[in-house]
Amino acid sequence: MKKIGFLSFGHWSPSPQSGTRSASDALLQSIDLAVAAEELGADGAYFRVHHFARQLGSPFPLLAAVGAKTSRIEIGTAVIDMRYENPLYMAEDAGAADLIAKGRLQLGISRGSPEQVIDGWRYFGYQPAEGESDTDMARRHAEVFLDVLRGKGFAQPNPRPMFPNPPGLLRLEPHAEGLRDRIWWGAATNATAEWAAKLGLNLQSSTLKFDESGQPFHVQQAEQIRIYREAWKAAGHAREPRVSVSRSIFALVNDQDRAYFGGNENEDHFGYIEPEKLAIFGRSYAAEPDVLIEQLKEDTAIAEADTLLLTVPNQLGVDYNAHVISAILKHVAPAMGWR
């Protein structure tokens, strides 16, 4: 059985053509869509995090609100840019959100993609140590975050505290049991996927990765997943890992679907998101359900993953995005053997 959720970038724009015209709209509609997705039977509500942008920049208030309004659906991110994060404060926020959601948090973290401003993490008070790159800094922040999530005491207690302390060194509170096993790493290369496996992180692979072979996107992504699983096995972890892939998939079941997505160009694209690093962007899928099913059967990376995240056009509103999710669950998933 494949888990199917949605991934929202949370775009908002004051344009009259947008159904999401303010930051308030983006946040409240995100909560409403998660509730609707749970009612439809979807498995996950995930949100992209971007700073200095008209998107969802502060995930934990949103995750906590979704957790309070739902009861079953997984709640997560894809991804939080660790260059911007204080790992200890983040562990407190994540612990609180996970407890509100009763253990349903699935946090995707990573080095992040290029942002709206130059070295935006510097405005947040962070800068790489001598000899470090910003990627190194992100991984350092991530490793501290993962360590404190284990719930082990590390801080020397005050001998005259305001409130009584438990014996021994103190840990961060609130502690969410099991959250360490529900952290994912967004990997854009095979080597990063292998690094994530060694650390015992689940794998998120997006709709783009850096080109490493010139092969079609799904072929490269499937290879990345296989490398990750081999590294996981070699590391000797006790549990089975989770792997998600993201896709833009639209089942054309009515005239509105055809008007919005019927003319989509369904091919991979190559381009640059960083200087001198060629990336490959995966195709979108938009077709009548019977055609769509046959197309998706050829996607080897979807076959390798256990979780599929559907990227949704959030500016088209909650009702339409609920329809997009429902169409996949009703018309596509059963024929693929996913449910």
Protein backbone atom coordinates (compact mmCIF):
# COMPACT_ATOMS: atom_id res chain seq x y z
CA MET A 1 0.00 0.00 0.00
CA LYS A 2 1.35 3.41 -0.99
CA LYS A 3 0.66 6.42 1.21
CA ILE A 4 -0.67 9.40 -0.74
CA GLY A 5 -0.58 12.97 0.56
CA PHE A 6 -0.40 16.50 -0.75
CA LEU A 7 2.43 19.01 -0.78
CA SER A 8 1.53 22.71 -0.79
CA PHE A 9 3.94 25.55 -1.44
CA GLY A 10 1.46 27.94 0.17
CA HIS A 11 1.76 30.65 -2.48
CA TRP A 12 -0.29 33.79 -1.97
CA SER A 13 -0.74 36.78 -4.22
CA PRO A 14 -2.96 39.89 -4.12
CA SER A 15 -3.79 39.26 -7.79
CA PRO A 16 -7.55 39.16 -8.51
CA GLN A 17 -6.94 35.84 -10.29
CA SER A 18 -5.70 34.23 -7.07
CA GLY A 19 -7.96 32.49 -4.59
CA THR A 20 -5.25 32.94 -1.95
CA ARG A 21 -4.60 36.67 -1.70
CA SER A 22 -2.92 37.11 1.69
CA ALA A 23 -0.70 35.36 4.19
CA SER A 24 -3.79 34.82 6.34
CA ASP A 25 -5.54 33.14 3.41
CA ALA A 26 -2.56 30.87 2.79
CA LEU A 27 -2.39 29.73 6.41
CA LEU A 28 -6.10 29.26 7.01
CA GLN A 29 -6.66 27.55 3.66
CA SER A 30 -3.74 25.21 4.41
CA ILE A 31 -5.51 24.10 7.58
CA ASP A 32 -8.82 23.69 5.72
CA LEU A 33 -7.20 21.63 2.96
CA ALA A 34 -5.57 19.30 5.50
CA VAL A 35 -8.96 18.75 7.15
CA ALA A 36 -10.57 18.11 3.74
CA ALA A 37 -7.76 15.74 2.70
CA GLU A 38 -8.19 13.72 5.88
CA GLU A 39 -11.93 13.44 5.24
CA LEU A 40 -11.19 12.19 1.71
CA GLY A 41 -8.87 9.48 3.06
CA ALA A 42 -5.52 10.97 2.11
CA ASP A 43 -2.54 10.02 4.24
CA GLY A 44 -0.48 13.21 4.49
CA ALA A 45 -0.56 17.02 4.55
CA TYR A 46 2.88 18.47 3.80
CA PHE A 47 4.00 22.07 3.41
CA ARG A 48 6.99 23.69 1.72
CA VAL A 49 8.95 26.31 3.69
CA HIS A 50 10.46 29.39 2.04
CA HIS A 51 11.76 32.52 3.78
CA PHE A 52 11.50 36.09 2.44
CA ALA A 53 8.71 34.90 0.13
CA ARG A 54 4.93 35.06 -0.10
CA GLN A 55 4.74 31.46 1.03
CA LEU A 56 4.74 29.47 4.27
CA GLY A 57 7.82 30.65 6.15
CA SER A 58 7.10 29.55 9.74
CA PRO A 59 5.90 25.95 9.74
CA PHE A 60 5.37 25.08 13.39
CA PRO A 61 2.33 27.25 14.18
CA LEU A 62 0.71 25.83 11.03
CA LEU A 63 1.65 22.24 11.86
CA ALA A 64 0.32 22.60 15.39
CA ALA A 65 -2.96 24.08 14.12
CA VAL A 66 -3.37 21.26 11.59
CA GLY A 67 -2.59 18.75 14.32
CA ALA A 68 -5.29 20.20 16.55
CA LYS A 69 -7.90 20.16 13.75
CA THR A 70 -7.23 16.61 12.48
CA SER A 71 -6.91 13.19 14.06
CA ARG A 72 -5.37 10.74 11.58
CA ILE A 73 -3.49 12.35 8.71
CA GLU A 74 0.31 12.64 8.78
CA ILE A 75 1.53 16.25 8.99
CA GLY A 76 4.87 17.33 7.65
CA THR A 77 7.21 19.62 5.75
CA ALA A 78 9.16 19.27 2.52
CA VAL A 79 11.47 20.89 3.45
CA ILE A 80 12.69 23.11 6.28
CA ASP A 81 15.96 24.81 5.33
CA MET A 82 18.36 24.00 8.18
CA ARG A 83 20.65 26.91 7.33
CA TYR A 84 18.05 29.17 8.97
CA GLU A 85 17.34 27.08 12.08
CA ASN A 86 18.35 27.19 15.73
CA PRO A 87 18.32 23.41 16.23
CA LEU A 88 17.49 23.52 19.96
CA TYR A 89 14.61 25.97 19.60
CA MET A 90 13.42 23.95 16.63
CA ALA A 91 13.44 20.77 18.74
CA GLU A 92 11.16 22.46 21.29
CA ASP A 93 8.76 23.66 18.57
CA ALA A 94 8.76 20.27 16.87
CA GLY A 95 8.18 18.47 20.16
CA ALA A 96 5.20 20.68 20.98
CA ALA A 97 3.67 20.31 17.50
CA ASP A 98 4.11 16.54 17.59
CA LEU A 99 2.46 16.22 20.99
CA ILE A 100 -0.50 18.31 19.82
CA ALA A 101 -0.78 16.00 16.80
CA LYS A 102 -0.36 12.90 18.99
CA GLY A 103 2.71 11.59 17.19
CA ARG A 104 1.75 12.35 13.57
CA LEU A 105 4.56 14.78 12.69
CA GLN A 106 6.76 13.85 9.70
CA LEU A 107 9.40 16.59 9.37
CA GLY A 108 11.30 17.01 6.12
CA ILE A 109 14.52 18.98 6.55
CA SER A 110 17.43 19.74 4.24
CA ARG A 111 20.09 22.21 3.19
CA GLY A 112 17.32 23.93 1.27
CA SER A 113 17.10 25.41 -2.21
CA PRO A 114 18.20 28.85 -3.40
CA GLU A 115 16.16 31.47 -1.56
CA GLN A 116 14.71 34.87 -2.42
CA VAL A 117 17.62 36.86 -1.00
CA ILE A 118 21.37 36.43 -1.01
CA ASP A 119 22.54 34.35 1.99
CA GLY A 120 19.23 34.90 3.77
CA TRP A 121 20.35 32.80 6.73
CA ARG A 122 22.78 35.60 7.67
CA TYR A 123 19.82 37.84 8.51
CA PHE A 124 18.68 35.11 10.91
CA GLY A 125 22.00 35.35 12.74
CA TYR A 126 23.79 32.31 11.26
CA GLN A 127 26.97 32.04 9.31
CA PRO A 128 29.23 29.11 8.44
CA ALA A 129 32.19 28.50 10.73
CA GLU A 130 35.67 28.98 9.32
CA GLY A 131 36.23 26.45 6.57
CA GLU A 132 32.53 25.55 6.36
CA SER A 133 30.14 26.02 3.46
CA ASP A 134 26.48 26.85 3.98
CA THR A 135 25.76 23.18 3.19
CA ASP A 136 28.13 22.12 5.97
CA MET A 137 26.36 24.52 8.34
CA ALA A 138 22.96 23.07 7.45
CA ARG A 139 24.19 19.56 8.15
CA ARG A 140 25.76 20.67 11.43
CA HIS A 141 22.46 22.23 12.53
CA ALA A 142 20.66 19.05 11.47
CA GLU A 143 22.97 16.79 13.44
CA VAL A 144 22.48 18.86 16.61
CA PHE A 145 18.71 18.78 16.06
CA LEU A 146 18.72 14.99 15.61
CA ASP A 147 20.85 14.50 18.71
CA VAL A 148 18.62 16.50 21.05
CA LEU A 149 15.52 14.73 19.69
CA ARG A 150 16.80 11.56 21.33
CA GLY A 151 15.71 13.02 24.65
CA LYS A 152 18.97 12.53 26.54
CA GLY A 153 19.92 15.00 29.25
CA PHE A 154 22.85 17.30 28.43
CA ALA A 155 22.39 20.59 30.36
CA GLN A 156 23.74 21.14 33.87
CA PRO A 157 20.84 22.00 36.22
CA ASN A 158 20.87 25.12 38.37
CA PRO A 159 21.51 24.14 42.02
CA ARG A 160 18.86 26.70 43.06
CA PRO A 161 16.19 26.35 40.36
CA MET A 162 12.89 28.19 40.30
CA PHE A 163 11.09 24.82 40.06
CA PRO A 164 12.22 21.35 41.22
CA ASN A 165 14.28 19.44 38.64
CA PRO A 166 14.35 15.72 37.96
CA PRO A 167 17.70 14.12 38.85
CA GLY A 168 20.65 14.32 36.47
CA LEU A 169 21.30 16.43 33.41
CA LEU A 170 18.31 18.12 31.83
CA ARG A 171 16.90 17.63 28.33
CA LEU A 172 14.81 19.96 26.23
CA GLU A 173 11.09 19.91 26.89
CA PRO A 174 8.60 18.99 25.69
CA HIS A 175 10.09 15.74 24.43
CA ALA A 176 8.15 13.86 21.73
CA GLU A 177 8.90 10.15 21.90
CA GLY A 178 9.64 8.61 18.50
CA LEU A 179 9.97 11.88 16.58
CA ARG A 180 13.64 11.17 15.80
CA ASP A 181 12.49 8.28 13.56
CA ARG A 182 10.08 10.59 11.73
CA ILE A 183 12.65 13.04 10.37
CA TRP A 184 13.24 13.05 6.60
CA TRP A 185 16.06 14.54 4.52
CA GLY A 186 15.37 16.19 1.17
CA ALA A 187 18.16 14.96 -1.11
CA ALA A 188 19.03 16.40 -4.52
CA THR A 189 21.97 14.08 -5.24
CA ASN A 190 22.82 10.41 -4.85
CA ALA A 191 25.62 11.21 -2.40
CA THR A 192 23.30 13.22 -0.15
CA ALA A 193 20.76 10.38 -0.17
CA GLU A 194 23.52 8.02 0.93
CA TRP A 195 24.55 10.45 3.72
CA ALA A 196 20.94 10.64 4.93
CA ALA A 197 20.70 6.84 5.06
CA LYS A 198 23.80 6.56 7.21
CA LEU A 199 22.26 9.02 9.72
CA GLY A 200 19.01 7.05 9.86
CA LEU A 201 16.88 9.70 8.15
CA ASN A 202 13.94 8.93 5.90
CA LEU A 203 14.31 10.15 2.31
CA GLN A 204 12.35 12.84 0.49
CA SER A 205 13.04 13.19 -3.22
CA SER A 206 11.39 16.13 -4.92
CA THR A 207 10.33 17.02 -8.45
CA LEU A 208 13.92 17.99 -9.23
CA LYS A 209 17.43 16.72 -8.60
CA PHE A 210 20.86 17.57 -9.89
CA ASP A 211 21.55 15.79 -13.15
CA GLU A 212 24.02 12.95 -12.63
CA SER A 213 23.63 10.80 -15.73
CA GLY A 214 21.58 12.55 -18.41
CA GLN A 215 18.89 9.86 -18.00
CA PRO A 216 15.18 10.69 -17.66
CA PHE A 217 14.22 12.16 -14.32
CA HIS A 218 12.34 9.14 -12.98
CA VAL A 219 15.25 6.84 -13.88
CA GLN A 220 17.75 9.03 -12.01
CA GLN A 221 15.42 9.34 -9.04
CA ALA A 222 14.83 5.58 -8.88
CA GLU A 223 18.59 5.05 -8.89
CA GLN A 224 18.92 7.57 -6.05
CA ILE A 225 16.34 5.63 -4.02
CA ARG A 226 18.11 2.32 -4.61
CA ILE A 227 21.45 3.82 -3.52
CA TYR A 228 19.73 5.17 -0.41
CA ARG A 229 18.22 1.79 0.47
CA GLU A 230 21.55 0.02 -0.01
CA ALA A 231 23.27 2.54 2.29
CA TRP A 232 20.50 2.11 4.86
CA LYS A 233 20.96 -1.64 4.87
CA ALA A 234 24.74 -1.30 5.14
CA ALA A 235 24.35 1.04 8.13
CA GLY A 236 22.44 -1.70 10.01
CA HIS A 237 19.49 0.37 11.18
CA ALA A 238 16.84 -1.65 13.00
CA ARG A 239 13.74 -0.15 11.36
CA GLU A 240 12.57 0.10 7.76
CA PRO A 241 13.06 3.54 6.17
CA ARG A 242 10.37 5.68 4.54
CA VAL A 243 10.85 7.15 1.04
CA SER A 244 8.65 9.79 -0.59
CA VAL A 245 8.62 11.29 -4.07
CA SER A 246 6.70 14.40 -5.15
CA ARG A 247 4.80 14.71 -8.41
CA SER A 248 2.43 17.12 -10.14
CA ILE A 249 -0.40 14.78 -11.17
CA PHE A 250 -3.81 15.85 -12.42
CA ALA A 251 -6.60 13.49 -13.45
CA LEU A 252 -8.66 15.30 -16.07
CA VAL A 253 -12.19 14.33 -15.09
CA ASN A 254 -14.15 17.52 -15.87
CA ASP A 255 -14.02 20.62 -18.04
CA GLN A 256 -12.40 22.70 -15.30
CA ASP A 257 -9.48 20.24 -15.06
CA ARG A 258 -9.06 20.33 -18.83
CA ALA A 259 -9.13 24.12 -18.89
CA TYR A 260 -6.47 24.40 -16.19
CA PHE A 261 -4.13 21.51 -17.10
CA GLY A 262 -5.21 19.98 -20.41
CA GLY A 263 -2.48 21.79 -22.33
CA ASN A 264 0.40 20.94 -19.99
CA GLU A 265 3.73 20.09 -21.57
CA ASN A 266 4.52 16.71 -20.03
CA GLU A 267 8.28 16.42 -20.46
CA ASP A 268 11.35 16.59 -18.23
CA HIS A 269 13.32 19.83 -18.34
CA PHE A 270 16.95 20.67 -17.66
CA GLY A 271 18.04 23.96 -16.13
CA TYR A 272 20.14 25.67 -13.49
CA ILE A 273 19.00 26.49 -9.96
CA GLU A 274 22.62 27.04 -8.90
CA PRO A 275 25.56 28.22 -11.03
CA GLU A 276 27.38 25.42 -12.83
CA LYS A 277 25.09 22.69 -11.42
CA LEU A 278 22.71 21.34 -14.02
CA ALA A 279 19.40 20.16 -12.57
CA ILE A 280 16.68 17.98 -14.06
CA PHE A 281 13.06 18.85 -13.38
CA GLY A 282 10.55 16.02 -13.51
CA ARG A 283 7.58 16.16 -15.84
CA SER A 284 4.02 16.89 -14.81
CA TYR A 285 1.26 14.36 -15.46
CA ALA A 286 -2.14 15.54 -16.71
CA ALA A 287 -4.44 13.22 -18.60
CA GLU A 288 -7.70 11.30 -18.54
CA PRO A 289 -7.54 8.70 -15.73
CA ASP A 290 -7.05 5.65 -17.97
CA VAL A 291 -4.17 7.36 -19.82
CA LEU A 292 -2.74 8.70 -16.59
CA ILE A 293 -2.65 5.24 -15.03
CA GLU A 294 -0.60 3.86 -17.93
CA GLN A 295 1.80 6.82 -17.78
CA LEU A 296 2.35 6.45 -14.05
CA LYS A 297 3.07 2.74 -14.39
CA GLU A 298 6.17 3.75 -16.36
CA ASP A 299 7.47 6.00 -13.57
CA THR A 300 10.10 3.81 -11.91
CA ALA A 301 10.74 6.21 -9.02
CA ILE A 302 7.09 6.19 -7.95
CA ALA A 303 7.31 2.40 -7.97
CA GLU A 304 10.39 2.51 -5.70
CA ALA A 305 8.83 4.88 -3.12
CA ASP A 306 6.33 4.07 -0.39
CA THR A 307 4.87 7.60 -0.21
CA LEU A 308 3.61 9.85 -3.01
CA LEU A 309 3.15 13.59 -2.41
CA LEU A 310 0.89 15.38 -4.87
CA THR A 311 1.94 19.00 -5.42
CA VAL A 312 -1.22 21.11 -5.41
CA PRO A 313 -1.95 24.52 -6.99
CA ASN A 314 -3.00 26.09 -3.71
CA GLN A 315 -3.94 29.44 -5.26
CA LEU A 316 -6.89 27.73 -6.96
CA GLY A 317 -8.56 27.35 -3.57
CA VAL A 318 -9.42 24.61 -1.08
CA ASP A 319 -12.40 23.16 -2.96
CA TYR A 320 -10.52 22.69 -6.21
CA ASN A 321 -7.45 21.21 -4.51
CA ALA A 322 -9.66 18.81 -2.56
CA HIS A 323 -11.11 17.79 -5.93
CA VAL A 324 -7.57 17.21 -7.32
CA ILE A 325 -6.74 14.92 -4.39
CA SER A 326 -10.09 13.13 -4.54
CA ALA A 327 -9.73 12.43 -8.27
CA ILE A 328 -6.38 10.69 -7.73
CA LEU A 329 -7.67 8.66 -4.77
CA LYS A 330 -10.84 7.63 -6.61
CA HIS A 331 -9.80 7.21 -10.24
CA VAL A 332 -6.07 6.44 -10.18
CA ALA A 333 -4.87 4.93 -6.89
CA PRO A 334 -7.03 1.77 -6.95
CA ALA A 335 -5.94 0.84 -10.49
CA MET A 336 -2.30 1.28 -9.44
CA GLY A 337 -2.72 -1.08 -6.49
CA TRP A 338 -1.91 1.70 -4.05
CA ARG A 339 -4.96 1.38 -1.81
